[in-house]
Amino acid sequence: TEHHPYQSGLGFSVAKDKEGFVGAEALKALKEQPADKVLRCLTVDDGTSIVLGKEPVFVGGVASGYVTSAAYGYSIRKPIAYAWLPAAVSEGDAVEIEYFGRRVAATVSAEPLFDPGMERLRG
C-alpha cells in the first residue's frame, strides 16, 4: 500500500484493457505523474558488508530512503540491496547504508547485475 507499480518498475504488468475496478482512476493518475521515489539496486562497495533490510540509506549525507531487502550476490561476488530512493538518484551514484551505527558505502547499480550485456542469454 506504500508504493505503486510504476515506482517499482512493474507498470508493464498493469492490465491496460481493464477498467471499472476499485482504484482504477487513482492508478491511471499515478501513471501520468513522474515517480517521486523508485526502487533501486545497490551493490556494497567493500564487497563484504551485508545488510538485512529496513536500514536507512543516505544520499549526500541525508537520510533519503531505506533498504527493502538484501543478500549476497554470488554471481557478482558482492552484497546486493534494494532500496527506495528519490527518483533523482541515478545509476552510478554513491550512497551510504547505515548498519548498526556504521555507514557502509554502496553504489546504485544498473540491472540486471549478472550478464548485463546479455551475452550468456544470447549465446
PDB file of N, CA and C in Angstrom:
ATOM      1  N   THR A   1       0.818  -1.199   0.000  1.00  0.00           N
ATOM      2  CA  THR A   1       0.000   0.000   0.000  1.00  0.00           C
ATOM      3  C   THR A   1       0.858   1.258   0.000  1.00  0.00           C
ATOM      4  N   GLU A   2       2.099   1.109   0.355  1.00  0.00           N
ATOM      5  CA  GLU A   2       3.012   2.242   0.447  1.00  0.00           C
ATOM      6  C   GLU A   2       3.564   2.676  -0.916  1.00  0.00           C
ATOM      7  N   HIS A   3       3.620   1.761  -1.871  1.00  0.00           N
ATOM      8  CA  HIS A   3       4.217   2.030  -3.176  1.00  0.00           C
ATOM      9  C   HIS A   3       3.275   1.555  -4.278  1.00  0.00           C
ATOM     10  N   HIS A   4       3.465   2.096  -5.479  1.00  0.00           N
ATOM     11  CA  HIS A   4       2.626   1.661  -6.599  1.00  0.00           C
ATOM     12  C   HIS A   4       3.495   1.046  -7.689  1.00  0.00           C
ATOM     13  N   PRO A   5       2.889   0.336  -8.645  1.00  0.00           N
ATOM     14  CA  PRO A   5       3.655  -0.418  -9.635  1.00  0.00           C
ATOM     15  C   PRO A   5       4.607   0.410 -10.484  1.00  0.00           C
ATOM     16  N   TYR A   6       4.287   1.666 -10.718  1.00  0.00           N
ATOM     17  CA  TYR A   6       5.137   2.484 -11.579  1.00  0.00           C
ATOM     18  C   TYR A   6       6.428   2.880 -10.879  1.00  0.00           C
ATOM     19  N   GLN A   7       6.421   2.952  -9.557  1.00  0.00           N
ATOM     20  CA  GLN A   7       7.636   3.264  -8.811  1.00  0.00           C
ATOM     21  C   GLN A   7       8.608   2.083  -8.806  1.00  0.00           C
ATOM     22  N   SER A   8       8.077   0.889  -8.788  1.00  0.00           N
ATOM     23  CA  SER A   8       8.923  -0.296  -8.676  1.00  0.00           C
ATOM     24  C   SER A   8       9.307  -0.896 -10.017  1.00  0.00           C
ATOM     25  N   GLY A   9       8.931  -0.241 -11.116  1.00  0.00           N
ATOM     26  CA  GLY A   9       9.269  -0.746 -12.440  1.00  0.00           C
ATOM     27  C   GLY A   9       8.329  -1.839 -12.920  1.00  0.00           C
ATOM     28  N   LEU A  10       7.162  -1.966 -12.294  1.00  0.00           N
ATOM     29  CA  LEU A  10       6.212  -3.006 -12.673  1.00  0.00           C
ATOM     30  C   LEU A  10       4.991  -2.457 -13.397  1.00  0.00           C
ATOM     31  N   GLY A  11       5.086  -1.253 -13.908  1.00  0.00           N
ATOM     32  CA  GLY A  11       3.977  -0.653 -14.627  1.00  0.00           C
ATOM     33  C   GLY A  11       3.546  -1.455 -15.841  1.00  0.00           C
ATOM     34  N   PHE A  12       4.492  -2.185 -16.442  1.00  0.00           N
ATOM     35  CA  PHE A  12       4.162  -3.004 -17.609  1.00  0.00           C
ATOM     36  C   PHE A  12       3.167  -4.110 -17.277  1.00  0.00           C
ATOM     37  N   SER A  13       3.079  -4.495 -16.005  1.00  0.00           N
ATOM     38  CA  SER A  13       2.203  -5.601 -15.619  1.00  0.00           C
ATOM     39  C   SER A  13       0.770  -5.162 -15.311  1.00  0.00           C
ATOM     40  N   VAL A  14       0.507  -3.881 -15.355  1.00  0.00           N
ATOM     41  CA  VAL A  14      -0.840  -3.375 -15.113  1.00  0.00           C
ATOM     42  C   VAL A  14      -1.657  -3.568 -16.380  1.00  0.00           C
ATOM     43  N   ALA A  15      -2.785  -4.274 -16.261  1.00  0.00           N
ATOM     44  CA  ALA A  15      -3.637  -4.545 -17.424  1.00  0.00           C
ATOM     45  C   ALA A  15      -4.186  -3.241 -17.971  1.00  0.00           C
ATOM     46  N   LYS A  16      -3.919  -2.976 -19.235  1.00  0.00           N
ATOM     47  CA  LYS A  16      -4.341  -1.726 -19.863  1.00  0.00           C
ATOM     48  C   LYS A  16      -5.808  -1.760 -20.309  1.00  0.00           C
ATOM     49  N   ASP A  17      -6.353  -2.953 -20.491  1.00  0.00           N
ATOM     50  CA  ASP A  17      -7.710  -3.082 -21.013  1.00  0.00           C
ATOM     51  C   ASP A  17      -8.777  -3.238 -19.931  1.00  0.00           C
ATOM     52  N   LYS A  18      -8.385  -3.274 -18.662  1.00  0.00           N
ATOM     53  CA  LYS A  18      -9.357  -3.440 -17.585  1.00  0.00           C
ATOM     54  C   LYS A  18      -9.710  -2.094 -16.989  1.00  0.00           C
ATOM     55  N   GLU A  19     -10.985  -1.900 -16.763  1.00  0.00           N
ATOM     56  CA  GLU A  19     -11.479  -0.660 -16.170  1.00  0.00           C
ATOM     57  C   GLU A  19     -12.589  -0.998 -15.195  1.00  0.00           C
ATOM     58  N   GLY A  20     -12.970  -0.012 -14.397  1.00  0.00           N
ATOM     59  CA  GLY A  20     -14.100  -0.187 -13.502  1.00  0.00           C
ATOM     60  C   GLY A  20     -13.788  -0.851 -12.188  1.00  0.00           C
ATOM     61  N   PHE A  21     -12.533  -1.178 -11.922  1.00  0.00           N
ATOM     62  CA  PHE A  21     -12.204  -1.773 -10.632  1.00  0.00           C
ATOM     63  C   PHE A  21     -11.901  -0.670  -9.623  1.00  0.00           C
ATOM     64  N   VAL A  22     -11.958  -1.008  -8.350  1.00  0.00           N
ATOM     65  CA  VAL A  22     -11.684  -0.034  -7.301  1.00  0.00           C
ATOM     66  C   VAL A  22     -10.239   0.437  -7.443  1.00  0.00           C
ATOM     67  N   GLY A  23     -10.031   1.718  -7.537  1.00  0.00           N
ATOM     68  CA  GLY A  23      -8.702   2.279  -7.661  1.00  0.00           C
ATOM     69  C   GLY A  23      -8.232   2.495  -9.085  1.00  0.00           C
ATOM     70  N   ALA A  24      -9.058   2.184 -10.078  1.00  0.00           N
ATOM     71  CA  ALA A  24      -8.649   2.324 -11.483  1.00  0.00           C
ATOM     72  C   ALA A  24      -8.281   3.763 -11.820  1.00  0.00           C
ATOM     73  N   GLU A  25      -9.092   4.701 -11.371  1.00  0.00           N
ATOM     74  CA  GLU A  25      -8.818   6.110 -11.673  1.00  0.00           C
ATOM     75  C   GLU A  25      -7.552   6.591 -10.976  1.00  0.00           C
ATOM     76  N   ALA A  26      -7.369   6.168  -9.740  1.00  0.00           N
ATOM     77  CA  ALA A  26      -6.165   6.563  -8.996  1.00  0.00           C
ATOM     78  C   ALA A  26      -4.916   5.997  -9.648  1.00  0.00           C
ATOM     79  N   LEU A  27      -4.983   4.760 -10.096  1.00  0.00           N
ATOM     80  CA  LEU A  27      -3.842   4.135 -10.753  1.00  0.00           C
ATOM     81  C   LEU A  27      -3.517   4.825 -12.076  1.00  0.00           C
ATOM     82  N   LYS A  28      -4.537   5.206 -12.811  1.00  0.00           N
ATOM     83  CA  LYS A  28      -4.329   5.921 -14.078  1.00  0.00           C
ATOM     84  C   LYS A  28      -3.662   7.276 -13.829  1.00  0.00           C
ATOM     85  N   ALA A  29      -4.078   7.960 -12.768  1.00  0.00           N
ATOM     86  CA  ALA A  29      -3.476   9.249 -12.422  1.00  0.00           C
ATOM     87  C   ALA A  29      -2.012   9.078 -12.017  1.00  0.00           C
ATOM     88  N   LEU A  30      -1.698   7.999 -11.295  1.00  0.00           N
ATOM     89  CA  LEU A  30      -0.311   7.749 -10.887  1.00  0.00           C
ATOM     90  C   LEU A  30       0.586   7.498 -12.088  1.00  0.00           C
ATOM     91  N   LYS A  31       0.045   6.848 -13.108  1.00  0.00           N
ATOM     92  CA  LYS A  31       0.843   6.553 -14.298  1.00  0.00           C
ATOM     93  C   LYS A  31       1.284   7.834 -14.990  1.00  0.00           C
ATOM     94  N   GLU A  32       0.439   8.827 -14.964  1.00  0.00           N
ATOM     95  CA  GLU A  32       0.720  10.074 -15.660  1.00  0.00           C
ATOM     96  C   GLU A  32       1.650  11.000 -14.885  1.00  0.00           C
ATOM     97  N   GLN A  33       1.849  10.747 -13.588  1.00  0.00           N
ATOM     98  CA  GLN A  33       2.730  11.580 -12.759  1.00  0.00           C
ATOM     99  C   GLN A  33       4.140  10.999 -12.757  1.00  0.00           C
ATOM    100  N   PRO A  34       5.153  11.833 -12.715  1.00  0.00           N
ATOM    101  CA  PRO A  34       6.501  11.289 -12.551  1.00  0.00           C
ATOM    102  C   PRO A  34       6.659  10.736 -11.128  1.00  0.00           C
ATOM    103  N   ALA A  35       7.329   9.619 -11.009  1.00  0.00           N
ATOM    104  CA  ALA A  35       7.527   8.987  -9.700  1.00  0.00           C
ATOM    105  C   ALA A  35       8.443   9.846  -8.838  1.00  0.00           C
ATOM    106  N   ASP A  36       8.112   9.999  -7.569  1.00  0.00           N
ATOM    107  CA  ASP A  36       8.969  10.760  -6.654  1.00  0.00           C
ATOM    108  C   ASP A  36      10.031   9.882  -6.014  1.00  0.00           C
ATOM    109  N   LYS A  37       9.777   8.566  -5.969  1.00  0.00           N
ATOM    110  CA  LYS A  37      10.773   7.626  -5.470  1.00  0.00           C
ATOM    111  C   LYS A  37      10.697   6.359  -6.301  1.00  0.00           C
ATOM    112  N   VAL A  38      11.823   5.667  -6.396  1.00  0.00           N
ATOM    113  CA  VAL A  38      11.898   4.454  -7.215  1.00  0.00           C
ATOM    114  C   VAL A  38      12.692   3.382  -6.482  1.00  0.00           C
ATOM    115  N   LEU A  39      12.447   2.140  -6.849  1.00  0.00           N
ATOM    116  CA  LEU A  39      13.186   1.021  -6.270  1.00  0.00           C
ATOM    117  C   LEU A  39      14.493   0.871  -7.037  1.00  0.00           C
ATOM    118  N   ARG A  40      15.607   0.977  -6.345  1.00  0.00           N
ATOM    119  CA  ARG A  40      16.930   0.925  -6.966  1.00  0.00           C
ATOM    120  C   ARG A  40      17.739  -0.248  -6.422  1.00  0.00           C
ATOM    121  N   CYS A  41      18.598  -0.771  -7.274  1.00  0.00           N
ATOM    122  CA  CYS A  41      19.520  -1.834  -6.895  1.00  0.00           C
ATOM    123  C   CYS A  41      20.829  -1.198  -6.432  1.00  0.00           C
ATOM    124  N   LEU A  42      21.345  -1.660  -5.302  1.00  0.00           N
ATOM    125  CA  LEU A  42      22.616  -1.159  -4.765  1.00  0.00           C
ATOM    126  C   LEU A  42      23.598  -2.317  -4.636  1.00  0.00           C
ATOM    127  N   THR A  43      24.860  -2.040  -4.877  1.00  0.00           N
ATOM    128  CA  THR A  43      25.910  -3.006  -4.567  1.00  0.00           C
ATOM    129  C   THR A  43      26.806  -2.371  -3.513  1.00  0.00           C
ATOM    130  N   VAL A  44      27.211  -3.177  -2.543  1.00  0.00           N
ATOM    131  CA  VAL A  44      28.042  -2.691  -1.448  1.00  0.00           C
ATOM    132  C   VAL A  44      29.489  -2.633  -1.921  1.00  0.00           C
ATOM    133  N   ASP A  45      30.100  -1.472  -1.757  1.00  0.00           N
ATOM    134  CA  ASP A  45      31.431  -1.218  -2.319  1.00  0.00           C
ATOM    135  C   ASP A  45      32.538  -2.082  -1.731  1.00  0.00           C
ATOM    136  N   ASP A  46      32.511  -2.344  -0.415  1.00  0.00           N
ATOM    137  CA  ASP A  46      33.616  -3.091   0.183  1.00  0.00           C
ATOM    138  C   ASP A  46      33.552  -4.582  -0.130  1.00  0.00           C
ATOM    139  N   GLY A  47      32.436  -5.064  -0.655  1.00  0.00           N
ATOM    140  CA  GLY A  47      32.319  -6.460  -1.060  1.00  0.00           C
ATOM    141  C   GLY A  47      32.088  -7.443   0.060  1.00  0.00           C
ATOM    142  N   THR A  48      32.008  -6.968   1.301  1.00  0.00           N
ATOM    143  CA  THR A  48      31.842  -7.902   2.423  1.00  0.00           C
ATOM    144  C   THR A  48      30.717  -7.535   3.387  1.00  0.00           C
ATOM    145  N   SER A  49      30.378  -6.282   3.513  1.00  0.00           N
ATOM    146  CA  SER A  49      29.351  -5.861   4.473  1.00  0.00           C
ATOM    147  C   SER A  49      27.970  -6.224   3.957  1.00  0.00           C
ATOM    148  N   ILE A  50      27.248  -7.024   4.736  1.00  0.00           N
ATOM    149  CA  ILE A  50      25.913  -7.443   4.340  1.00  0.00           C
ATOM    150  C   ILE A  50      24.904  -6.794   5.274  1.00  0.00           C
ATOM    151  N   VAL A  51      23.893  -6.175   4.700  1.00  0.00           N
ATOM    152  CA  VAL A  51      22.822  -5.573   5.486  1.00  0.00           C
ATOM    153  C   VAL A  51      21.612  -6.500   5.416  1.00  0.00           C
ATOM    154  N   LEU A  52      20.615  -6.248   6.245  1.00  0.00           N
ATOM    155  CA  LEU A  52      19.482  -7.168   6.345  1.00  0.00           C
ATOM    156  C   LEU A  52      18.194  -6.655   5.714  1.00  0.00           C
ATOM    157  N   GLY A  53      17.967  -5.353   5.801  1.00  0.00           N
ATOM    158  CA  GLY A  53      16.720  -4.759   5.328  1.00  0.00           C
ATOM    159  C   GLY A  53      16.197  -3.786   6.359  1.00  0.00           C
ATOM    160  N   LYS A  54      15.520  -2.765   5.891  1.00  0.00           N
ATOM    161  CA  LYS A  54      14.955  -1.680   6.704  1.00  0.00           C
ATOM    162  C   LYS A  54      15.994  -0.685   7.200  1.00  0.00           C
ATOM    163  N   GLU A  55      17.241  -0.781   6.755  1.00  0.00           N
ATOM    164  CA  GLU A  55      18.258   0.195   7.144  1.00  0.00           C
ATOM    165  C   GLU A  55      18.067   1.485   6.352  1.00  0.00           C
ATOM    166  N   PRO A  56      18.366   2.626   6.969  1.00  0.00           N
ATOM    167  CA  PRO A  56      18.270   3.891   6.229  1.00  0.00           C
ATOM    168  C   PRO A  56      19.391   4.012   5.199  1.00  0.00           C
ATOM    169  N   VAL A  57      19.062   4.665   4.092  1.00  0.00           N
ATOM    170  CA  VAL A  57      20.040   4.926   3.038  1.00  0.00           C
ATOM    171  C   VAL A  57      20.228   6.433   2.955  1.00  0.00           C
ATOM    172  N   PHE A  58      21.491   6.858   2.969  1.00  0.00           N
ATOM    173  CA  PHE A  58      21.840   8.275   2.941  1.00  0.00           C
ATOM    174  C   PHE A  58      22.349   8.660   1.565  1.00  0.00           C
ATOM    175  N   VAL A  59      21.797   9.749   1.045  1.00  0.00           N
ATOM    176  CA  VAL A  59      22.232  10.316  -0.227  1.00  0.00           C
ATOM    177  C   VAL A  59      22.745  11.716   0.087  1.00  0.00           C
ATOM    178  N   GLY A  60      24.020  11.940  -0.169  1.00  0.00           N
ATOM    179  CA  GLY A  60      24.607  13.241   0.146  1.00  0.00           C
ATOM    180  C   GLY A  60      24.547  13.568   1.625  1.00  0.00           C
ATOM    181  N   GLY A  61      24.644  12.549   2.477  1.00  0.00           N
ATOM    182  CA  GLY A  61      24.639  12.750   3.920  1.00  0.00           C
ATOM    183  C   GLY A  61      23.264  12.898   4.549  1.00  0.00           C
ATOM    184  N   VAL A  62      22.202  12.831   3.740  1.00  0.00           N
ATOM    185  CA  VAL A  62      20.836  12.994   4.234  1.00  0.00           C
ATOM    186  C   VAL A  62      20.081  11.671   4.091  1.00  0.00           C
ATOM    187  N   ALA A  63      19.408  11.241   5.158  1.00  0.00           N
ATOM    188  CA  ALA A  63      18.595  10.026   5.087  1.00  0.00           C
ATOM    189  C   ALA A  63      17.496  10.238   4.047  1.00  0.00           C
ATOM    190  N   SER A  64      17.511   9.426   2.983  1.00  0.00           N
ATOM    191  CA  SER A  64      16.624   9.661   1.853  1.00  0.00           C
ATOM    192  C   SER A  64      15.789   8.458   1.456  1.00  0.00           C
ATOM    193  N   GLY A  65      16.033   7.314   2.041  1.00  0.00           N
ATOM    194  CA  GLY A  65      15.294   6.112   1.694  1.00  0.00           C
ATOM    195  C   GLY A  65      15.641   4.993   2.640  1.00  0.00           C
ATOM    196  N   TYR A  66      15.211   3.775   2.282  1.00  0.00           N
ATOM    197  CA  TYR A  66      15.512   2.628   3.138  1.00  0.00           C
ATOM    198  C   TYR A  66      15.651   1.357   2.304  1.00  0.00           C
ATOM    199  N   VAL A  67      16.399   0.412   2.854  1.00  0.00           N
ATOM    200  CA  VAL A  67      16.623  -0.878   2.216  1.00  0.00           C
ATOM    201  C   VAL A  67      15.381  -1.744   2.408  1.00  0.00           C
ATOM    202  N   THR A  68      14.938  -2.381   1.338  1.00  0.00           N
ATOM    203  CA  THR A  68      13.800  -3.295   1.440  1.00  0.00           C
ATOM    204  C   THR A  68      14.257  -4.728   1.654  1.00  0.00           C
ATOM    205  N   SER A  69      15.314  -5.118   0.967  1.00  0.00           N
ATOM    206  CA  SER A  69      15.831  -6.478   1.083  1.00  0.00           C
ATOM    207  C   SER A  69      17.294  -6.485   0.669  1.00  0.00           C
ATOM    208  N   ALA A  70      17.997  -7.508   1.115  1.00  0.00           N
ATOM    209  CA  ALA A  70      19.422  -7.599   0.804  1.00  0.00           C
ATOM    210  C   ALA A  70      19.880  -9.051   0.888  1.00  0.00           C
ATOM    211  N   ALA A  71      20.949  -9.352   0.169  1.00  0.00           N
ATOM    212  CA  ALA A  71      21.546 -10.686   0.181  1.00  0.00           C
ATOM    213  C   ALA A  71      22.920 -10.599  -0.465  1.00  0.00           C
ATOM    214  N   TYR A  72      23.658 -11.694  -0.415  1.00  0.00           N
ATOM    215  CA  TYR A  72      24.949 -11.748  -1.081  1.00  0.00           C
ATOM    216  C   TYR A  72      24.737 -12.239  -2.498  1.00  0.00           C
ATOM    217  N   GLY A  73      25.297 -11.539  -3.482  1.00  0.00           N
ATOM    218  CA  GLY A  73      25.181 -11.926  -4.886  1.00  0.00           C
ATOM    219  C   GLY A  73      26.374 -12.784  -5.282  1.00  0.00           C
ATOM    220  N   TYR A  74      26.219 -14.075  -5.224  1.00  0.00           N
ATOM    221  CA  TYR A  74      27.335 -14.979  -5.501  1.00  0.00           C
ATOM    222  C   TYR A  74      27.853 -14.857  -6.934  1.00  0.00           C
ATOM    223  N   SER A  75      26.994 -14.570  -7.873  1.00  0.00           N
ATOM    224  CA  SER A  75      27.446 -14.474  -9.261  1.00  0.00           C
ATOM    225  C   SER A  75      28.270 -13.217  -9.517  1.00  0.00           C
ATOM    226  N   ILE A  76      28.077 -12.175  -8.715  1.00  0.00           N
ATOM    227  CA  ILE A  76      28.869 -10.954  -8.899  1.00  0.00           C
ATOM    228  C   ILE A  76      29.875 -10.757  -7.764  1.00  0.00           C
ATOM    229  N   ARG A  77      29.824 -11.629  -6.774  1.00  0.00           N
ATOM    230  CA  ARG A  77      30.747 -11.618  -5.626  1.00  0.00           C
ATOM    231  C   ARG A  77      30.698 -10.320  -4.832  1.00  0.00           C
ATOM    232  N   LYS A  78      29.480  -9.813  -4.633  1.00  0.00           N
ATOM    233  CA  LYS A  78      29.262  -8.596  -3.844  1.00  0.00           C
ATOM    234  C   LYS A  78      27.902  -8.680  -3.160  1.00  0.00           C
ATOM    235  N   PRO A  79      27.759  -8.013  -2.024  1.00  0.00           N
ATOM    236  CA  PRO A  79      26.430  -7.896  -1.426  1.00  0.00           C
ATOM    237  C   PRO A  79      25.543  -6.976  -2.267  1.00  0.00           C
ATOM    238  N   ILE A  80      24.263  -7.307  -2.324  1.00  0.00           N
ATOM    239  CA  ILE A  80      23.274  -6.560  -3.104  1.00  0.00           C
ATOM    240  C   ILE A  80      22.161  -6.127  -2.161  1.00  0.00           C
ATOM    241  N   ALA A  81      21.643  -4.941  -2.370  1.00  0.00           N
ATOM    242  CA  ALA A  81      20.486  -4.469  -1.604  1.00  0.00           C
ATOM    243  C   ALA A  81      19.553  -3.728  -2.553  1.00  0.00           C
ATOM    244  N   TYR A  82      18.277  -3.772  -2.246  1.00  0.00           N
ATOM    245  CA  TYR A  82      17.288  -2.977  -2.969  1.00  0.00           C
ATOM    246  C   TYR A  82      16.759  -1.929  -2.013  1.00  0.00           C
ATOM    247  N   ALA A  83      16.623  -0.697  -2.500  1.00  0.00           N
ATOM    248  CA  ALA A  83      16.209   0.405  -1.632  1.00  0.00           C
ATOM    249  C   ALA A  83      15.289   1.358  -2.375  1.00  0.00           C
ATOM    250  N   TRP A  84      14.352   1.924  -1.633  1.00  0.00           N
ATOM    251  CA  TRP A  84      13.522   3.007  -2.154  1.00  0.00           C
ATOM    252  C   TRP A  84      14.312   4.280  -2.012  1.00  0.00           C
ATOM    253  N   LEU A  85      14.540   4.970  -3.121  1.00  0.00           N
ATOM    254  CA  LEU A  85      15.326   6.199  -3.134  1.00  0.00           C
ATOM    255  C   LEU A  85      14.614   7.263  -3.954  1.00  0.00           C
ATOM    256  N   PRO A  86      14.955   8.539  -3.749  1.00  0.00           N
ATOM    257  CA  PRO A  86      14.367   9.602  -4.575  1.00  0.00           C
ATOM    258  C   PRO A  86      14.639   9.341  -6.054  1.00  0.00           C
ATOM    259  N   ALA A  87      13.706   9.724  -6.896  1.00  0.00           N
ATOM    260  CA  ALA A  87      13.833   9.491  -8.339  1.00  0.00           C
ATOM    261  C   ALA A  87      15.051  10.189  -8.930  1.00  0.00           C
ATOM    262  N   ALA A  88      15.541  11.237  -8.281  1.00  0.00           N
ATOM    263  CA  ALA A  88      16.701  11.979  -8.786  1.00  0.00           C
ATOM    264  C   ALA A  88      17.998  11.177  -8.658  1.00  0.00           C
ATOM    265  N   VAL A  89      18.018  10.157  -7.827  1.00  0.00           N
ATOM    266  CA  VAL A  89      19.212   9.321  -7.668  1.00  0.00           C
ATOM    267  C   VAL A  89      19.291   8.394  -8.872  1.00  0.00           C
ATOM    268  N   SER A  90      20.454   8.350  -9.522  1.00  0.00           N
ATOM    269  CA  SER A  90      20.568   7.551 -10.742  1.00  0.00           C
ATOM    270  C   SER A  90      21.711   6.544 -10.647  1.00  0.00           C
ATOM    271  N   GLU A  91      21.810   5.711 -11.662  1.00  0.00           N
ATOM    272  CA  GLU A  91      22.843   4.675 -11.719  1.00  0.00           C
ATOM    273  C   GLU A  91      24.228   5.302 -11.617  1.00  0.00           C
ATOM    274  N   GLY A  92      25.076   4.678 -10.810  1.00  0.00           N
ATOM    275  CA  GLY A  92      26.434   5.157 -10.617  1.00  0.00           C
ATOM    276  C   GLY A  92      26.588   6.085  -9.428  1.00  0.00           C
ATOM    277  N   ASP A  93      25.493   6.579  -8.866  1.00  0.00           N
ATOM    278  CA  ASP A  93      25.574   7.482  -7.715  1.00  0.00           C
ATOM    279  C   ASP A  93      26.025   6.730  -6.467  1.00  0.00           C
ATOM    280  N   ALA A  94      26.809   7.405  -5.643  1.00  0.00           N
ATOM    281  CA  ALA A  94      27.269   6.843  -4.380  1.00  0.00           C
ATOM    282  C   ALA A  94      26.250   7.139  -3.276  1.00  0.00           C
ATOM    283  N   VAL A  95      25.975   6.138  -2.462  1.00  0.00           N
ATOM    284  CA  VAL A  95      25.081   6.281  -1.320  1.00  0.00           C
ATOM    285  C   VAL A  95      25.731   5.581  -0.126  1.00  0.00           C
ATOM    286  N   GLU A  96      25.122   5.731   1.038  1.00  0.00           N
ATOM    287  CA  GLU A  96      25.602   5.039   2.228  1.00  0.00           C
ATOM    288  C   GLU A  96      24.423   4.381   2.915  1.00  0.00           C
ATOM    289  N   ILE A  97      24.642   3.156   3.393  1.00  0.00           N
ATOM    290  CA  ILE A  97      23.633   2.426   4.142  1.00  0.00           C
ATOM    291  C   ILE A  97      24.093   2.401   5.592  1.00  0.00           C
ATOM    292  N   GLU A  98      23.237   2.833   6.504  1.00  0.00           N
ATOM    293  CA  GLU A  98      23.616   2.806   7.918  1.00  0.00           C
ATOM    294  C   GLU A  98      23.256   1.454   8.501  1.00  0.00           C
ATOM    295  N   TYR A  99      24.268   0.772   9.030  1.00  0.00           N
ATOM    296  CA  TYR A  99      24.083  -0.561   9.595  1.00  0.00           C
ATOM    297  C   TYR A  99      24.662  -0.572  11.007  1.00  0.00           C
ATOM    298  N   PHE A 100      23.784  -0.623  11.999  1.00  0.00           N
ATOM    299  CA  PHE A 100      24.170  -0.587  13.406  1.00  0.00           C
ATOM    300  C   PHE A 100      25.125   0.567  13.712  1.00  0.00           C
ATOM    301  N   GLY A 101      24.772   1.760  13.250  1.00  0.00           N
ATOM    302  CA  GLY A 101      25.532   2.964  13.546  1.00  0.00           C
ATOM    303  C   GLY A 101      26.746   3.196  12.667  1.00  0.00           C
ATOM    304  N   ARG A 102      27.019   2.296  11.756  1.00  0.00           N
ATOM    305  CA  ARG A 102      28.171   2.419  10.860  1.00  0.00           C
ATOM    306  C   ARG A 102      27.668   2.653   9.451  1.00  0.00           C
ATOM    307  N   ARG A 103      28.272   3.571   8.729  1.00  0.00           N
ATOM    308  CA  ARG A 103      27.890   3.858   7.346  1.00  0.00           C
ATOM    309  C   ARG A 103      28.680   2.960   6.401  1.00  0.00           C
ATOM    310  N   VAL A 104      27.962   2.256   5.552  1.00  0.00           N
ATOM    311  CA  VAL A 104      28.558   1.353   4.576  1.00  0.00           C
ATOM    312  C   VAL A 104      28.365   1.973   3.191  1.00  0.00           C
ATOM    313  N   ALA A 105      29.452   2.167   2.457  1.00  0.00           N
ATOM    314  CA  ALA A 105      29.384   2.764   1.125  1.00  0.00           C
ATOM    315  C   ALA A 105      28.783   1.778   0.128  1.00  0.00           C
ATOM    316  N   ALA A 106      27.915   2.302  -0.732  1.00  0.00           N
ATOM    317  CA  ALA A 106      27.280   1.488  -1.768  1.00  0.00           C
ATOM    318  C   ALA A 106      27.118   2.327  -3.029  1.00  0.00           C
ATOM    319  N   THR A 107      26.860   1.657  -4.136  1.00  0.00           N
ATOM    320  CA  THR A 107      26.691   2.316  -5.418  1.00  0.00           C
ATOM    321  C   THR A 107      25.370   1.876  -6.045  1.00  0.00           C
ATOM    322  N   VAL A 108      24.643   2.821  -6.618  1.00  0.00           N
ATOM    323  CA  VAL A 108      23.414   2.499  -7.336  1.00  0.00           C
ATOM    324  C   VAL A 108      23.827   1.817  -8.635  1.00  0.00           C
ATOM    325  N   SER A 109      23.301   0.615  -8.863  1.00  0.00           N
ATOM    326  CA  SER A 109      23.737  -0.198  -9.999  1.00  0.00           C
ATOM    327  C   SER A 109      22.634  -0.406 -11.024  1.00  0.00           C
ATOM    328  N   ALA A 110      23.070  -0.597 -12.257  1.00  0.00           N
ATOM    329  CA  ALA A 110      22.132  -0.937 -13.333  1.00  0.00           C
ATOM    330  C   ALA A 110      21.732  -2.400 -13.181  1.00  0.00           C
ATOM    331  N   GLU A 111      20.573  -2.730 -13.710  1.00  0.00           N
ATOM    332  CA  GLU A 111      20.143  -4.119 -13.669  1.00  0.00           C
ATOM    333  C   GLU A 111      19.998  -4.646 -15.086  1.00  0.00           C
ATOM    334  N   PRO A 112      20.170  -5.906 -15.316  1.00  0.00           N
ATOM    335  CA  PRO A 112      20.492  -6.943 -14.358  1.00  0.00           C
ATOM    336  C   PRO A 112      21.973  -6.902 -13.988  1.00  0.00           C
ATOM    337  N   LEU A 113      22.268  -7.349 -12.784  1.00  0.00           N
ATOM    338  CA  LEU A 113      23.659  -7.323 -12.327  1.00  0.00           C
ATOM    339  C   LEU A 113      24.483  -8.412 -12.994  1.00  0.00           C
ATOM    340  N   PHE A 114      23.902  -9.562 -13.192  1.00  0.00           N
ATOM    341  CA  PHE A 114      24.617 -10.670 -13.810  1.00  0.00           C
ATOM    342  C   PHE A 114      24.327 -10.667 -15.301  1.00  0.00           C
ATOM    343  N   ASP A 115      25.347 -10.701 -16.099  1.00  0.00           N
ATOM    344  CA  ASP A 115      25.213 -10.723 -17.551  1.00  0.00           C
ATOM    345  C   ASP A 115      24.509  -9.469 -18.079  1.00  0.00           C
ATOM    346  N   PRO A 116      24.994  -8.264 -17.701  1.00  0.00           N
ATOM    347  CA  PRO A 116      24.322  -7.039 -18.133  1.00  0.00           C
ATOM    348  C   PRO A 116      24.297  -6.844 -19.648  1.00  0.00           C
ATOM    349  N   GLY A 117      25.267  -7.389 -20.357  1.00  0.00           N
ATOM    350  CA  GLY A 117      25.271  -7.282 -21.813  1.00  0.00           C
ATOM    351  C   GLY A 117      24.468  -8.386 -22.480  1.00  0.00           C
ATOM    352  N   MET A 118      23.930  -9.282 -21.670  1.00  0.00           N
ATOM    353  CA  MET A 118      23.107 -10.409 -22.116  1.00  0.00           C
ATOM    354  C   MET A 118      23.862 -11.364 -23.049  1.00  0.00           C
ATOM    355  N   GLU A 119      25.204 -11.444 -22.915  1.00  0.00           N
ATOM    356  CA  GLU A 119      25.976 -12.343 -23.757  1.00  0.00           C
ATOM    357  C   GLU A 119      25.644 -13.802 -23.470  1.00  0.00           C
ATOM    358  N   ARG A 120      25.505 -14.164 -22.199  1.00  0.00           N
ATOM    359  CA  ARG A 120      25.184 -15.553 -21.851  1.00  0.00           C
ATOM    360  C   ARG A 120      23.794 -15.934 -22.344  1.00  0.00           C
ATOM    361  N   LEU A 121      22.852 -15.002 -22.239  1.00  0.00           N
ATOM    362  CA  LEU A 121      21.487 -15.276 -22.659  1.00  0.00           C
ATOM    363  C   LEU A 121      21.392 -15.501 -24.161  1.00  0.00           C
ATOM    364  N   ARG A 122      22.116 -14.694 -24.913  1.00  0.00           N
ATOM    365  CA  ARG A 122      22.051 -14.772 -26.374  1.00  0.00           C
ATOM    366  C   ARG A 122      22.983 -15.808 -26.982  1.00  0.00           C
ATOM    367  N   GLY A 123      23.916 -16.295 -26.166  1.00  0.00           N
ATOM    368  CA  GLY A 123      24.819 -17.342 -26.645  1.00  0.00           C
ATOM    369  C   GLY A 123      25.968 -16.885 -27.361  1.00  0.00           C
TER     370      GLY A 123
END
